[in-house]
């Protein structure tokens, strides 16, 4: 299943069209310590059979030159995603 940012079901073509542009980017911050925190709209359900679709994701990436993510959270709504992003910025700053 595919969803727009409002959580409304959309078809594959609409999803693909939205994914092409900046629609998918929600927030991004680079901390003083070099960590990157990025929150995006995924559009497809990443709940793996959960009760509510998880269509947003915040990932924390280590300093440049390091490998792999160091933290990740997923959310159902854009509001939750923004709050979660801001909480990770505060926690890791």
Protein backbone atom coordinates (compact mmCIF):
# COMPACT_ATOMS: atom_id res chain seq x y z
CA UNK A 1 0.00 0.00 0.00
CA UNK A 2 1.09 3.54 -0.77
CA UNK A 3 0.07 6.69 1.11
CA UNK A 4 0.47 10.43 0.67
CA UNK A 5 1.66 12.62 3.56
CA UNK A 6 -1.91 12.90 4.86
CA UNK A 7 -2.11 9.12 5.20
CA UNK A 8 -4.53 8.74 2.29
CA UNK A 9 -4.11 5.70 0.06
CA UNK A 10 -2.64 6.46 -3.37
CA UNK A 11 -1.81 4.35 -6.40
CA UNK A 12 1.67 3.35 -7.52
CA UNK A 13 1.88 6.00 -10.25
CA UNK A 14 0.98 8.81 -7.84
CA UNK A 15 3.55 7.48 -5.37
CA UNK A 16 6.23 7.42 -8.07
CA UNK A 17 5.36 10.96 -9.18
CA UNK A 18 5.53 12.29 -5.61
CA UNK A 19 8.79 10.49 -4.89
CA UNK A 20 10.54 12.24 -7.82
CA UNK A 21 10.51 15.69 -6.25
CA UNK A 22 11.24 17.30 -2.89
CA UNK A 23 7.88 16.08 -1.54
CA UNK A 24 9.65 13.28 0.32
CA UNK A 25 11.92 15.53 2.41
CA UNK A 26 10.53 16.66 5.78
CA UNK A 27 13.48 17.94 7.86
CA UNK A 28 17.26 17.62 7.89
CA UNK A 29 19.80 18.82 10.44
CA UNK A 30 23.56 18.47 10.69
CA UNK A 31 24.71 18.63 14.30
CA UNK A 32 27.89 20.33 15.53
CA UNK A 33 29.41 16.86 16.03
CA UNK A 34 28.87 16.04 12.34
CA UNK A 35 25.91 13.67 12.73
CA UNK A 36 23.16 14.05 10.14
CA UNK A 37 19.51 13.69 11.17
CA UNK A 38 17.16 13.23 8.24
CA UNK A 39 13.38 12.80 8.26
CA UNK A 40 11.59 11.70 5.09
CA UNK A 41 8.24 10.53 3.81
CA UNK A 42 8.58 6.88 2.76
CA UNK A 43 5.15 6.63 1.16
CA UNK A 44 4.93 2.87 1.51
CA UNK A 45 3.90 1.12 4.70
CA UNK A 46 6.89 -0.03 6.76
CA UNK A 47 4.84 -1.38 9.68
CA UNK A 48 5.17 -4.95 8.36
CA UNK A 49 1.59 -5.84 9.21
CA UNK A 50 1.10 -3.45 12.12
CA UNK A 51 -2.16 -1.75 13.01
CA UNK A 52 -1.22 1.64 11.51
CA UNK A 53 0.93 2.34 8.46
CA UNK A 54 4.40 3.72 9.18
CA UNK A 55 5.12 6.05 6.28
CA UNK A 56 7.72 8.47 7.71
CA UNK A 57 11.24 7.77 8.93
CA UNK A 58 13.93 9.64 10.84
CA UNK A 59 17.47 8.33 10.55
CA UNK A 60 20.61 9.48 12.31
CA UNK A 61 23.80 9.01 10.35
CA UNK A 62 27.27 9.06 11.91
CA UNK A 63 30.01 11.54 11.13
CA UNK A 64 31.28 11.68 7.56
CA UNK A 65 33.56 8.77 6.84
CA UNK A 66 31.77 6.36 9.19
CA UNK A 67 29.50 3.55 8.02
CA UNK A 68 25.88 2.76 8.81
CA UNK A 69 23.06 4.46 10.62
CA UNK A 70 23.19 4.88 14.37
CA UNK A 71 19.50 5.43 15.12
CA UNK A 72 16.15 5.19 13.33
CA UNK A 73 12.48 5.79 14.16
CA UNK A 74 9.33 5.42 12.04
CA UNK A 75 6.04 7.27 12.32
CA UNK A 76 2.46 7.24 11.03
CA UNK A 77 1.90 10.99 10.64
CA UNK A 78 3.94 13.96 9.50
CA UNK A 79 3.29 15.65 12.86
CA UNK A 80 4.73 12.65 14.74
CA UNK A 81 7.71 12.61 12.35
CA UNK A 82 8.52 16.28 12.97
CA UNK A 83 8.23 15.84 16.75
CA UNK A 84 10.40 12.73 16.61
CA UNK A 85 12.99 14.49 14.47
CA UNK A 86 13.17 17.43 16.87
CA UNK A 87 13.46 15.06 19.85
CA UNK A 88 16.42 13.27 18.28
CA UNK A 89 18.10 16.59 17.48
CA UNK A 90 17.69 17.64 21.12
CA UNK A 91 18.85 14.26 22.45
CA UNK A 92 21.97 14.10 20.30
CA UNK A 93 23.01 17.77 20.38
